[in-house]
Amino acid sequence: MNVATIKTLAYLSSFACLSAMAYSGYDYYENDRGVSHFDSQRAGMVLNGVTPPKAPKRVALDYKRDISPAVVAFDWTGEPPAVVEDVVKSGAVEEAAPVIPVESIVEVIMVLAEPRNPADSVCSLRFSDSAVVPQEQLFSVGSPLPAPHAHVAVLNILPDGVEFSFADEERPTEVVALSLRSQAEGLIRTLGPGDVIARRTLIGSGSRSGGQDAAALLTERRNGQFYIGSDDAKQFADDYQQILSRDVKTKTRFVDGKRSGVELTEVREGSIAARHGAQSGDVVISINGNAVNSQQEAIAFAKNNSERYNVWEVEVLRLGRIETIIYHSSND
């Protein structure tokens, strides 16, 4: 069979197929186009027999169960979150810190009470805690104690003691009575009706008016305290540089390389400084609670606060013990 024969057979086969397809199309067009092959009755029975689905219920999303796992933790597994049980740790239960009475912290060594104006009252407290420096300090009404006792404050200064309040408002106030030693020395000062001089004695109002209050009295010592007359005050104010250079020699005291007070290396016997209680070897640590580390600092503090204070509390290290010397200015 040659190529020409094969080509002839292929053409004839193609023509026969096309003729059959054309006839099928013509037959469908003439005979079957109006015939419906869809059984609507059977279809209706099937569709009517189907139960319609129920509408989905609207459910509110729960944050912990639905939102937090998918959005926060990115847990899209659909599994319920693991239940975490609270574990109670065994061991000793932490107890509340014990309440420390104020009387175990401080000793009231002096009160200067002014009932008509309590805000002007002052008291002197000695701390048993060696961490408080200086250990003897002056306080007025409303003043908090130094660290680590800053949660305690002076609420009221009474004629025979001091009332303290606390940062914890639920804790009741406490009153610490004046120490027996101080009572024996007569360090309680109160005001009676019309007692004008006593009022000036307690708090420095800055007044320098004349009259009986400014009597030219020399320094005298009563009840363990120094009362400075106007003569001594004027002499020191006018000639303090010569007095210090002639009667007193000082140097800065160092402890562990740090300045810690003013040491009186020499006090001339019979001098105004000696009559005011100064002794050779004394170390002045603070004046009215303010630390001083040089003679210049002490003088500057006294001059800058002369209108503020009439009562001066000088803390001195003497023979290894800290003592407090109390001075009352001449306008007392």
C-alpha atoms as a PDB file:
ATOM      1  CA  MET A   1       0.000   0.000   0.000  1.00  0.00           C
ATOM      2  CA  ASN A   2       1.526   3.196  -1.149  1.00  0.00           C
ATOM      3  CA  VAL A   3       1.233   6.655   0.288  1.00  0.00           C
ATOM      4  CA  ALA A   4      -1.410   7.772  -2.166  1.00  0.00           C
ATOM      5  CA  THR A   5      -3.708   4.924  -1.135  1.00  0.00           C
ATOM      6  CA  ILE A   6      -3.286   5.761   2.570  1.00  0.00           C
ATOM      7  CA  LYS A   7      -4.100   9.376   1.968  1.00  0.00           C
ATOM      8  CA  THR A   8      -7.231   8.443   0.007  1.00  0.00           C
ATOM      9  CA  LEU A   9      -8.485   6.169   2.812  1.00  0.00           C
ATOM     10  CA  ALA A  10      -7.852   8.911   5.407  1.00  0.00           C
ATOM     11  CA  TYR A  11      -9.856  11.464   3.438  1.00  0.00           C
ATOM     12  CA  LEU A  12     -12.733   9.017   3.008  1.00  0.00           C
ATOM     13  CA  SER A  13     -12.770   8.200   6.766  1.00  0.00           C
ATOM     14  CA  SER A  14     -12.788  11.867   7.691  1.00  0.00           C
ATOM     15  CA  PHE A  15     -15.624  12.577   5.293  1.00  0.00           C
ATOM     16  CA  ALA A  16     -17.659   9.672   6.717  1.00  0.00           C
ATOM     17  CA  CYS A  17     -17.202  10.980  10.294  1.00  0.00           C
ATOM     18  CA  LEU A  18     -18.200  14.477   9.345  1.00  0.00           C
ATOM     19  CA  SER A  19     -21.273  13.153   7.556  1.00  0.00           C
ATOM     20  CA  ALA A  20     -22.306  11.136  10.661  1.00  0.00           C
ATOM     21  CA  MET A  21     -21.883  14.170  12.906  1.00  0.00           C
ATOM     22  CA  ALA A  22     -23.880  16.330  10.566  1.00  0.00           C
ATOM     23  CA  TYR A  23     -26.682  13.798  10.426  1.00  0.00           C
ATOM     24  CA  SER A  24     -26.792  13.496  14.242  1.00  0.00           C
ATOM     25  CA  GLY A  25     -27.110  17.241  14.543  1.00  0.00           C
ATOM     26  CA  TYR A  26     -29.832  17.407  11.951  1.00  0.00           C
ATOM     27  CA  ASP A  27     -31.728  14.520  13.617  1.00  0.00           C
ATOM     28  CA  TYR A  28     -31.574  16.287  17.087  1.00  0.00           C
ATOM     29  CA  TYR A  29     -32.707  19.539  15.554  1.00  0.00           C
ATOM     30  CA  GLU A  30     -35.675  17.963  13.757  1.00  0.00           C
ATOM     31  CA  ASN A  31     -36.809  15.332  16.306  1.00  0.00           C
ATOM     32  CA  ASP A  32     -35.500  15.843  19.885  1.00  0.00           C
ATOM     33  CA  ARG A  33     -35.353  19.612  20.450  1.00  0.00           C
ATOM     34  CA  GLY A  34     -38.939  19.834  21.752  1.00  0.00           C
ATOM     35  CA  VAL A  35     -38.667  16.772  23.990  1.00  0.00           C
ATOM     36  CA  SER A  36     -37.983  17.508  27.716  1.00  0.00           C
ATOM     37  CA  HIS A  37     -35.693  15.063  29.420  1.00  0.00           C
ATOM     38  CA  PHE A  38     -36.246  16.700  32.944  1.00  0.00           C
ATOM     39  CA  ASP A  39     -38.790  14.949  35.169  1.00  0.00           C
ATOM     40  CA  SER A  40     -40.170  17.916  37.118  1.00  0.00           C
ATOM     41  CA  GLN A  41     -42.584  15.769  39.113  1.00  0.00           C
ATOM     42  CA  ARG A  42     -39.844  13.535  40.457  1.00  0.00           C
ATOM     43  CA  ALA A  43     -37.598  16.512  41.114  1.00  0.00           C
ATOM     44  CA  GLY A  44     -40.375  18.219  43.094  1.00  0.00           C
ATOM     45  CA  MET A  45     -40.910  15.144  45.229  1.00  0.00           C
ATOM     46  CA  VAL A  46     -37.204  14.955  46.003  1.00  0.00           C
ATOM     47  CA  LEU A  47     -36.861  18.630  46.867  1.00  0.00           C
ATOM     48  CA  ASN A  48     -40.019  18.777  48.949  1.00  0.00           C
ATOM     49  CA  GLY A  49     -38.857  15.822  50.981  1.00  0.00           C
ATOM     50  CA  VAL A  50     -35.675  17.572  52.158  1.00  0.00           C
ATOM     51  CA  THR A  51     -35.823  19.004  55.736  1.00  0.00           C
ATOM     52  CA  PRO A  52     -34.754  22.655  55.662  1.00  0.00           C
ATOM     53  CA  PRO A  53     -31.616  23.396  57.796  1.00  0.00           C
ATOM     54  CA  LYS A  54     -32.004  25.235  61.091  1.00  0.00           C
ATOM     55  CA  ALA A  55     -30.737  28.771  61.341  1.00  0.00           C
ATOM     56  CA  PRO A  56     -27.401  28.962  63.250  1.00  0.00           C
ATOM     57  CA  LYS A  57     -27.584  30.256  66.799  1.00  0.00           C
ATOM     58  CA  ARG A  58     -25.821  33.501  67.643  1.00  0.00           C
ATOM     59  CA  VAL A  59     -23.280  32.798  70.351  1.00  0.00           C
ATOM     60  CA  ALA A  60     -21.331  35.521  72.196  1.00  0.00           C
ATOM     61  CA  LEU A  61     -17.585  35.007  72.166  1.00  0.00           C
ATOM     62  CA  ASP A  62     -15.840  34.493  75.461  1.00  0.00           C
ATOM     63  CA  TYR A  63     -12.515  36.301  75.769  1.00  0.00           C
ATOM     64  CA  LYS A  64     -10.602  33.645  77.700  1.00  0.00           C
ATOM     65  CA  ARG A  65     -12.109  30.673  75.830  1.00  0.00           C
ATOM     66  CA  ASP A  66     -12.407  32.008  72.262  1.00  0.00           C
ATOM     67  CA  ILE A  67     -10.494  35.250  71.704  1.00  0.00           C
ATOM     68  CA  SER A  68      -7.388  34.916  73.871  1.00  0.00           C
ATOM     69  CA  PRO A  69      -6.254  31.507  72.474  1.00  0.00           C
ATOM     70  CA  ALA A  70      -6.734  32.567  68.834  1.00  0.00           C
ATOM     71  CA  VAL A  71      -5.630  36.213  68.936  1.00  0.00           C
ATOM     72  CA  VAL A  72      -3.259  36.428  71.884  1.00  0.00           C
ATOM     73  CA  ALA A  73      -1.713  32.949  72.054  1.00  0.00           C
ATOM     74  CA  PHE A  74      -2.269  32.088  68.329  1.00  0.00           C
ATOM     75  CA  ASP A  75      -3.656  28.689  69.298  1.00  0.00           C
ATOM     76  CA  TRP A  76      -5.908  27.697  66.401  1.00  0.00           C
ATOM     77  CA  THR A  77      -6.087  23.984  67.189  1.00  0.00           C
ATOM     78  CA  GLY A  78      -9.544  24.294  68.688  1.00  0.00           C
ATOM     79  CA  GLU A  79      -8.517  22.284  71.715  1.00  0.00           C
ATOM     80  CA  PRO A  80      -9.674  23.545  75.100  1.00  0.00           C
ATOM     81  CA  PRO A  81      -7.000  25.394  77.053  1.00  0.00           C
ATOM     82  CA  ALA A  82      -5.148  23.477  79.710  1.00  0.00           C
ATOM     83  CA  VAL A  83      -6.415  24.006  83.219  1.00  0.00           C
ATOM     84  CA  VAL A  84      -3.726  25.550  85.415  1.00  0.00           C
ATOM     85  CA  GLU A  85      -4.142  24.678  89.038  1.00  0.00           C
ATOM     86  CA  ASP A  86      -3.063  27.115  91.707  1.00  0.00           C
ATOM     87  CA  VAL A  87      -0.088  25.690  93.519  1.00  0.00           C
ATOM     88  CA  VAL A  88       0.149  26.577  97.187  1.00  0.00           C
ATOM     89  CA  LYS A  89       3.782  26.873  98.155  1.00  0.00           C
ATOM     90  CA  SER A  90       4.633  25.176 101.359  1.00  0.00           C
ATOM     91  CA  GLY A  91       6.844  26.807 103.899  1.00  0.00           C
ATOM     92  CA  ALA A  92       6.748  29.382 106.633  1.00  0.00           C
ATOM     93  CA  VAL A  93       4.142  32.126 106.301  1.00  0.00           C
ATOM     94  CA  GLU A  94       5.708  35.583 106.178  1.00  0.00           C
ATOM     95  CA  GLU A  95       4.826  37.374 109.374  1.00  0.00           C
ATOM     96  CA  ALA A  96       4.161  41.082 109.631  1.00  0.00           C
ATOM     97  CA  ALA A  97       7.055  43.199 110.874  1.00  0.00           C
ATOM     98  CA  PRO A  98       6.839  43.739 114.633  1.00  0.00           C
ATOM     99  CA  VAL A  99       5.684  47.157 115.816  1.00  0.00           C
ATOM    100  CA  ILE A 100       8.551  48.920 117.575  1.00  0.00           C
ATOM    101  CA  PRO A 101       7.464  51.358 120.313  1.00  0.00           C
ATOM    102  CA  VAL A 102       8.823  54.877 119.874  1.00  0.00           C
ATOM    103  CA  GLU A 103      10.102  54.916 123.462  1.00  0.00           C
ATOM    104  CA  SER A 104      12.590  52.192 122.482  1.00  0.00           C
ATOM    105  CA  ILE A 105      13.909  54.417 119.671  1.00  0.00           C
ATOM    106  CA  VAL A 106      14.177  57.859 121.286  1.00  0.00           C
ATOM    107  CA  GLU A 107      14.592  59.445 124.685  1.00  0.00           C
ATOM    108  CA  VAL A 108      12.994  62.830 125.288  1.00  0.00           C
ATOM    109  CA  ILE A 109      15.690  64.870 126.979  1.00  0.00           C
ATOM    110  CA  MET A 110      14.147  68.346 126.693  1.00  0.00           C
ATOM    111  CA  VAL A 111      10.790  69.956 125.924  1.00  0.00           C
ATOM    112  CA  LEU A 112      10.124  73.642 125.380  1.00  0.00           C
ATOM    113  CA  ALA A 113       6.325  73.739 125.171  1.00  0.00           C
ATOM    114  CA  GLU A 114       4.318  76.790 124.166  1.00  0.00           C
ATOM    115  CA  PRO A 115       0.599  75.937 124.596  1.00  0.00           C
ATOM    116  CA  ARG A 116      -0.623  79.187 123.039  1.00  0.00           C
ATOM    117  CA  ASN A 117       1.267  78.506 119.809  1.00  0.00           C
ATOM    118  CA  PRO A 118       2.139  74.774 119.618  1.00  0.00           C
ATOM    119  CA  ALA A 119       3.862  75.182 116.246  1.00  0.00           C
ATOM    120  CA  ASP A 120       6.625  77.154 117.989  1.00  0.00           C
ATOM    121  CA  SER A 121       7.363  74.424 120.536  1.00  0.00           C
ATOM    122  CA  VAL A 122      10.598  72.437 120.269  1.00  0.00           C
ATOM    123  CA  CYS A 123      11.950  69.270 121.814  1.00  0.00           C
ATOM    124  CA  SER A 124      15.291  67.532 121.986  1.00  0.00           C
ATOM    125  CA  LEU A 125      15.453  63.799 121.311  1.00  0.00           C
ATOM    126  CA  ARG A 126      18.287  61.339 121.866  1.00  0.00           C
ATOM    127  CA  PHE A 127      18.288  58.287 119.566  1.00  0.00           C
ATOM    128  CA  SER A 128      19.288  54.840 120.755  1.00  0.00           C
ATOM    129  CA  ASP A 129      20.029  53.807 117.150  1.00  0.00           C
ATOM    130  CA  SER A 130      23.721  54.401 116.437  1.00  0.00           C
ATOM    131  CA  ALA A 131      22.878  54.726 112.726  1.00  0.00           C
ATOM    132  CA  VAL A 132      21.288  58.129 113.437  1.00  0.00           C
ATOM    133  CA  VAL A 133      23.888  60.906 113.383  1.00  0.00           C
ATOM    134  CA  PRO A 134      23.887  63.093 115.379  1.00  0.00           C
ATOM    135  CA  GLN A 135      22.216  61.093 118.109  1.00  0.00           C
ATOM    136  CA  GLU A 136      20.741  64.187 119.793  1.00  0.00           C
ATOM    137  CA  GLN A 137      18.663  66.520 117.632  1.00  0.00           C
ATOM    138  CA  LEU A 138      16.091  69.301 117.942  1.00  0.00           C
ATOM    139  CA  PHE A 139      12.594  68.862 116.481  1.00  0.00           C
ATOM    140  CA  SER A 140       9.528  71.043 116.094  1.00  0.00           C
ATOM    141  CA  VAL A 141       5.888  70.057 115.649  1.00  0.00           C
ATOM    142  CA  GLY A 142       5.367  68.203 112.358  1.00  0.00           C
ATOM    143  CA  SER A 143       9.023  67.258 111.875  1.00  0.00           C
ATOM    144  CA  PRO A 144       9.689  63.643 110.792  1.00  0.00           C
ATOM    145  CA  LEU A 145      12.450  61.683 112.486  1.00  0.00           C
ATOM    146  CA  PRO A 146      15.611  60.983 110.460  1.00  0.00           C
ATOM    147  CA  ALA A 147      16.095  57.718 108.562  1.00  0.00           C
ATOM    148  CA  PRO A 148      15.600  54.871 109.242  1.00  0.00           C
ATOM    149  CA  HIS A 149      12.691  56.175 111.357  1.00  0.00           C
ATOM    150  CA  ALA A 150      11.228  58.627 108.816  1.00  0.00           C
ATOM    151  CA  HIS A 151       7.793  56.998 109.177  1.00  0.00           C
ATOM    152  CA  VAL A 152       7.537  58.586 112.646  1.00  0.00           C
ATOM    153  CA  ALA A 153       6.817  62.310 113.093  1.00  0.00           C
ATOM    154  CA  VAL A 154       6.432  64.712 116.010  1.00  0.00           C
ATOM    155  CA  LEU A 155       2.694  65.351 116.334  1.00  0.00           C
ATOM    156  CA  ASN A 156       2.577  67.417 119.524  1.00  0.00           C
ATOM    157  CA  ILE A 157       5.024  68.688 122.135  1.00  0.00           C
ATOM    158  CA  LEU A 158       3.488  68.396 125.585  1.00  0.00           C
ATOM    159  CA  PRO A 159       4.635  69.970 128.843  1.00  0.00           C
ATOM    160  CA  ASP A 160       5.939  66.604 130.047  1.00  0.00           C
ATOM    161  CA  GLY A 161       6.607  64.622 126.882  1.00  0.00           C
ATOM    162  CA  VAL A 162       6.202  64.304 123.128  1.00  0.00           C
ATOM    163  CA  GLU A 163       3.361  62.754 121.117  1.00  0.00           C
ATOM    164  CA  PHE A 164       4.327  60.939 117.905  1.00  0.00           C
ATOM    165  CA  SER A 165       2.271  59.985 114.842  1.00  0.00           C
ATOM    166  CA  PHE A 166       2.993  57.424 112.126  1.00  0.00           C
ATOM    167  CA  ALA A 167       2.808  57.140 108.329  1.00  0.00           C
ATOM    168  CA  ASP A 168       0.530  54.153 108.920  1.00  0.00           C
ATOM    169  CA  GLU A 169      -2.636  56.074 109.765  1.00  0.00           C
ATOM    170  CA  GLU A 170      -4.195  53.022 111.407  1.00  0.00           C
ATOM    171  CA  ARG A 171      -1.480  52.950 114.064  1.00  0.00           C
ATOM    172  CA  PRO A 172      -2.499  55.000 117.098  1.00  0.00           C
ATOM    173  CA  THR A 173      -0.308  57.844 118.294  1.00  0.00           C
ATOM    174  CA  GLU A 174       2.214  57.249 121.079  1.00  0.00           C
ATOM    175  CA  VAL A 175       3.394  59.567 123.845  1.00  0.00           C
ATOM    176  CA  VAL A 176       6.938  59.352 125.172  1.00  0.00           C
ATOM    177  CA  ALA A 177       7.396  61.013 128.558  1.00  0.00           C
ATOM    178  CA  LEU A 178      10.323  63.231 129.405  1.00  0.00           C
ATOM    179  CA  SER A 179      13.188  61.144 130.745  1.00  0.00           C
ATOM    180  CA  LEU A 180      13.576  60.977 134.525  1.00  0.00           C
ATOM    181  CA  ARG A 181      17.078  62.424 134.290  1.00  0.00           C
ATOM    182  CA  SER A 182      15.831  65.449 132.374  1.00  0.00           C
ATOM    183  CA  GLN A 183      12.964  65.975 134.824  1.00  0.00           C
ATOM    184  CA  ALA A 184      15.455  65.970 137.664  1.00  0.00           C
ATOM    185  CA  GLU A 185      17.457  68.663 135.846  1.00  0.00           C
ATOM    186  CA  GLY A 186      14.340  70.771 135.371  1.00  0.00           C
ATOM    187  CA  LEU A 187      14.377  70.929 131.573  1.00  0.00           C
ATOM    188  CA  ILE A 188      10.607  71.337 131.343  1.00  0.00           C
ATOM    189  CA  ARG A 189       9.612  74.840 130.326  1.00  0.00           C
ATOM    190  CA  THR A 190       5.935  75.804 129.942  1.00  0.00           C
ATOM    191  CA  LEU A 191       4.042  79.047 129.618  1.00  0.00           C
ATOM    192  CA  GLY A 192       1.610  80.400 132.110  1.00  0.00           C
ATOM    193  CA  PRO A 193      -1.051  83.027 131.432  1.00  0.00           C
ATOM    194  CA  GLY A 194       0.620  86.348 130.683  1.00  0.00           C
ATOM    195  CA  ASP A 195       4.117  84.850 130.930  1.00  0.00           C
ATOM    196  CA  VAL A 196       5.665  87.025 128.223  1.00  0.00           C
ATOM    197  CA  ILE A 197       9.267  86.356 129.192  1.00  0.00           C
ATOM    198  CA  ALA A 198       8.725  82.604 129.075  1.00  0.00           C
ATOM    199  CA  ARG A 199       7.358  82.903 125.555  1.00  0.00           C
ATOM    200  CA  ARG A 200      10.488  84.688 124.399  1.00  0.00           C
ATOM    201  CA  THR A 201      12.594  82.073 126.119  1.00  0.00           C
ATOM    202  CA  LEU A 202      11.095  79.193 124.203  1.00  0.00           C
ATOM    203  CA  ILE A 203      11.291  80.242 120.576  1.00  0.00           C
ATOM    204  CA  GLY A 204      13.421  82.817 118.813  1.00  0.00           C
ATOM    205  CA  SER A 205      11.024  85.305 117.268  1.00  0.00           C
ATOM    206  CA  GLY A 206      13.862  87.471 116.008  1.00  0.00           C
ATOM    207  CA  SER A 207      12.957  90.378 118.293  1.00  0.00           C
ATOM    208  CA  ARG A 208      15.810  92.510 119.524  1.00  0.00           C
ATOM    209  CA  SER A 209      13.795  95.100 121.411  1.00  0.00           C
ATOM    210  CA  GLY A 210      15.149  96.543 124.613  1.00  0.00           C
ATOM    211  CA  GLY A 211      13.691  96.539 128.112  1.00  0.00           C
ATOM    212  CA  GLN A 212      13.859  94.075 130.927  1.00  0.00           C
ATOM    213  CA  ASP A 213      14.239  91.124 128.538  1.00  0.00           C
ATOM    214  CA  ALA A 214      17.564  92.493 127.356  1.00  0.00           C
ATOM    215  CA  ALA A 215      19.031  92.895 130.834  1.00  0.00           C
ATOM    216  CA  ALA A 216      22.822  93.082 130.774  1.00  0.00           C
ATOM    217  CA  LEU A 217      23.363  89.756 132.515  1.00  0.00           C
ATOM    218  CA  LEU A 218      26.541  87.749 132.320  1.00  0.00           C
ATOM    219  CA  THR A 219      26.407  84.127 131.279  1.00  0.00           C
ATOM    220  CA  GLU A 220      24.896  81.924 133.986  1.00  0.00           C
ATOM    221  CA  ARG A 221      24.259  78.208 134.131  1.00  0.00           C
ATOM    222  CA  ARG A 222      20.974  76.842 135.457  1.00  0.00           C
ATOM    223  CA  ASN A 223      19.471  73.392 135.218  1.00  0.00           C
ATOM    224  CA  GLY A 224      22.343  72.137 133.094  1.00  0.00           C
ATOM    225  CA  GLN A 225      21.833  74.872 130.466  1.00  0.00           C
ATOM    226  CA  PHE A 226      23.644  78.116 129.620  1.00  0.00           C
ATOM    227  CA  TYR A 227      21.710  81.389 129.639  1.00  0.00           C
ATOM    228  CA  ILE A 228      23.733  84.002 127.787  1.00  0.00           C
ATOM    229  CA  GLY A 229      23.429  87.610 128.928  1.00  0.00           C
ATOM    230  CA  SER A 230      23.416  90.541 126.544  1.00  0.00           C
ATOM    231  CA  ASP A 231      26.934  91.607 127.616  1.00  0.00           C
ATOM    232  CA  ASP A 232      28.475  88.295 126.555  1.00  0.00           C
ATOM    233  CA  ALA A 233      26.431  88.226 123.355  1.00  0.00           C
ATOM    234  CA  LYS A 234      27.546  91.751 122.425  1.00  0.00           C
ATOM    235  CA  GLN A 235      31.184  91.015 123.264  1.00  0.00           C
ATOM    236  CA  PHE A 236      31.220  87.937 121.065  1.00  0.00           C
ATOM    237  CA  ALA A 237      29.360  89.670 118.190  1.00  0.00           C
ATOM    238  CA  ASP A 238      31.759  92.631 118.213  1.00  0.00           C
ATOM    239  CA  ASP A 239      35.023  90.775 118.764  1.00  0.00           C
ATOM    240  CA  TYR A 240      34.441  87.117 117.764  1.00  0.00           C
ATOM    241  CA  GLN A 241      37.437  86.970 115.413  1.00  0.00           C
ATOM    242  CA  GLN A 242      39.897  88.088 118.095  1.00  0.00           C
ATOM    243  CA  ILE A 243      38.236  85.856 120.716  1.00  0.00           C
ATOM    244  CA  LEU A 244      38.556  82.801 118.471  1.00  0.00           C
ATOM    245  CA  SER A 245      42.133  83.551 117.509  1.00  0.00           C
ATOM    246  CA  ARG A 246      43.214  84.368 121.107  1.00  0.00           C
ATOM    247  CA  ASP A 247      41.119  82.066 123.285  1.00  0.00           C
ATOM    248  CA  VAL A 248      40.327  79.057 121.085  1.00  0.00           C
ATOM    249  CA  LYS A 249      42.355  77.023 118.636  1.00  0.00           C
ATOM    250  CA  THR A 250      40.563  74.539 116.398  1.00  0.00           C
ATOM    251  CA  LYS A 251      41.170  72.029 113.652  1.00  0.00           C
ATOM    252  CA  THR A 252      38.947  69.896 111.449  1.00  0.00           C
ATOM    253  CA  ARG A 253      38.558  66.340 112.725  1.00  0.00           C
ATOM    254  CA  PHE A 254      38.854  63.537 110.188  1.00  0.00           C
ATOM    255  CA  VAL A 255      37.421  60.022 110.553  1.00  0.00           C
ATOM    256  CA  ASP A 256      38.291  57.465 107.846  1.00  0.00           C
ATOM    257  CA  GLY A 257      39.443  60.280 105.619  1.00  0.00           C
ATOM    258  CA  LYS A 258      36.178  62.231 105.953  1.00  0.00           C
ATOM    259  CA  ARG A 259      35.551  65.484 107.816  1.00  0.00           C
ATOM    260  CA  SER A 260      33.663  64.821 111.038  1.00  0.00           C
ATOM    261  CA  GLY A 261      33.404  67.871 113.279  1.00  0.00           C
ATOM    262  CA  VAL A 262      35.537  70.671 114.694  1.00  0.00           C
ATOM    263  CA  GLU A 263      38.063  69.765 117.406  1.00  0.00           C
ATOM    264  CA  LEU A 264      38.921  72.367 120.059  1.00  0.00           C
ATOM    265  CA  THR A 265      42.647  71.799 120.444  1.00  0.00           C
ATOM    266  CA  GLU A 266      43.029  74.604 123.021  1.00  0.00           C
ATOM    267  CA  VAL A 267      40.620  76.662 125.172  1.00  0.00           C
ATOM    268  CA  ARG A 268      42.168  79.393 127.332  1.00  0.00           C
ATOM    269  CA  GLU A 269      41.133  79.149 130.965  1.00  0.00           C
ATOM    270  CA  GLY A 270      38.792  81.964 132.110  1.00  0.00           C
ATOM    271  CA  SER A 271      37.971  82.987 128.537  1.00  0.00           C
ATOM    272  CA  ILE A 272      34.440  83.622 127.320  1.00  0.00           C
ATOM    273  CA  ALA A 273      34.548  80.281 125.508  1.00  0.00           C
ATOM    274  CA  ALA A 274      35.528  78.457 128.701  1.00  0.00           C
ATOM    275  CA  ARG A 275      32.724  80.183 130.625  1.00  0.00           C
ATOM    276  CA  HIS A 276      30.339  78.882 127.972  1.00  0.00           C
ATOM    277  CA  GLY A 277      31.329  75.283 128.655  1.00  0.00           C
ATOM    278  CA  ALA A 278      33.993  74.746 125.969  1.00  0.00           C
ATOM    279  CA  GLN A 279      36.842  72.404 126.942  1.00  0.00           C
ATOM    280  CA  SER A 280      40.082  71.432 125.254  1.00  0.00           C
ATOM    281  CA  GLY A 281      39.623  68.194 123.342  1.00  0.00           C
ATOM    282  CA  ASP A 282      35.921  68.746 122.670  1.00  0.00           C
ATOM    283  CA  VAL A 283      34.721  67.975 119.141  1.00  0.00           C
ATOM    284  CA  VAL A 284      31.742  70.046 117.981  1.00  0.00           C
ATOM    285  CA  ILE A 285      29.664  67.763 115.750  1.00  0.00           C
ATOM    286  CA  SER A 286      26.498  69.751 115.067  1.00  0.00           C
ATOM    287  CA  ILE A 287      24.543  72.891 115.954  1.00  0.00           C
ATOM    288  CA  ASN A 288      20.762  72.511 116.097  1.00  0.00           C
ATOM    289  CA  GLY A 289      21.046  69.296 114.116  1.00  0.00           C
ATOM    290  CA  ASN A 290      23.205  70.821 111.346  1.00  0.00           C
ATOM    291  CA  ALA A 291      26.611  69.172 110.959  1.00  0.00           C
ATOM    292  CA  VAL A 292      29.638  71.487 111.103  1.00  0.00           C
ATOM    293  CA  ASN A 293      33.101  70.508 109.926  1.00  0.00           C
ATOM    294  CA  SER A 294      35.071  73.724 110.297  1.00  0.00           C
ATOM    295  CA  GLN A 295      35.217  76.812 112.480  1.00  0.00           C
ATOM    296  CA  GLN A 296      34.010  78.888 109.532  1.00  0.00           C
ATOM    297  CA  GLU A 297      30.947  76.674 109.063  1.00  0.00           C
ATOM    298  CA  ALA A 298      30.003  77.011 112.741  1.00  0.00           C
ATOM    299  CA  ILE A 299      30.356  80.813 112.683  1.00  0.00           C
ATOM    300  CA  ALA A 300      28.440  81.128 109.421  1.00  0.00           C
ATOM    301  CA  PHE A 301      25.585  78.979 110.723  1.00  0.00           C
ATOM    302  CA  ALA A 302      25.308  81.014 113.921  1.00  0.00           C
ATOM    303  CA  LYS A 303      25.344  84.354 112.062  1.00  0.00           C
ATOM    304  CA  ASN A 304      22.875  83.273 109.357  1.00  0.00           C
ATOM    305  CA  ASN A 305      20.387  81.918 111.892  1.00  0.00           C
ATOM    306  CA  SER A 306      20.723  84.490 114.672  1.00  0.00           C
ATOM    307  CA  GLU A 307      17.209  85.802 113.924  1.00  0.00           C
ATOM    308  CA  ARG A 308      15.752  82.301 113.752  1.00  0.00           C
ATOM    309  CA  TYR A 309      16.886  80.612 116.952  1.00  0.00           C
ATOM    310  CA  ASN A 310      16.989  81.626 120.609  1.00  0.00           C
ATOM    311  CA  VAL A 311      17.699  78.076 121.720  1.00  0.00           C
ATOM    312  CA  TRP A 312      20.928  76.491 120.447  1.00  0.00           C
ATOM    313  CA  GLU A 313      21.675  72.813 120.928  1.00  0.00           C
ATOM    314  CA  VAL A 314      25.354  72.013 120.386  1.00  0.00           C
ATOM    315  CA  GLU A 315      26.318  68.345 120.119  1.00  0.00           C
ATOM    316  CA  VAL A 316      29.831  67.686 121.428  1.00  0.00           C
ATOM    317  CA  LEU A 317      32.001  64.581 121.510  1.00  0.00           C
ATOM    318  CA  ARG A 318      33.705  64.733 124.910  1.00  0.00           C
ATOM    319  CA  LEU A 319      35.977  61.996 126.296  1.00  0.00           C
ATOM    320  CA  GLY A 320      34.477  59.441 123.935  1.00  0.00           C
ATOM    321  CA  ARG A 321      30.853  60.288 124.773  1.00  0.00           C
ATOM    322  CA  ILE A 322      28.417  62.494 122.891  1.00  0.00           C
ATOM    323  CA  GLU A 323      26.962  65.264 125.053  1.00  0.00           C
ATOM    324  CA  THR A 324      24.541  68.068 124.290  1.00  0.00           C
ATOM    325  CA  ILE A 325      25.098  71.604 125.544  1.00  0.00           C
ATOM    326  CA  ILE A 326      22.035  73.880 125.406  1.00  0.00           C
ATOM    327  CA  TYR A 327      22.376  77.642 125.124  1.00  0.00           C
ATOM    328  CA  HIS A 328      19.690  80.330 125.431  1.00  0.00           C
ATOM    329  CA  SER A 329      20.401  83.580 123.638  1.00  0.00           C
ATOM    330  CA  SER A 330      20.514  86.941 125.414  1.00  0.00           C
ATOM    331  CA  ASN A 331      16.994  87.917 124.359  1.00  0.00           C
ATOM    332  CA  ASP A 332      15.716  85.098 126.589  1.00  0.00           C
END
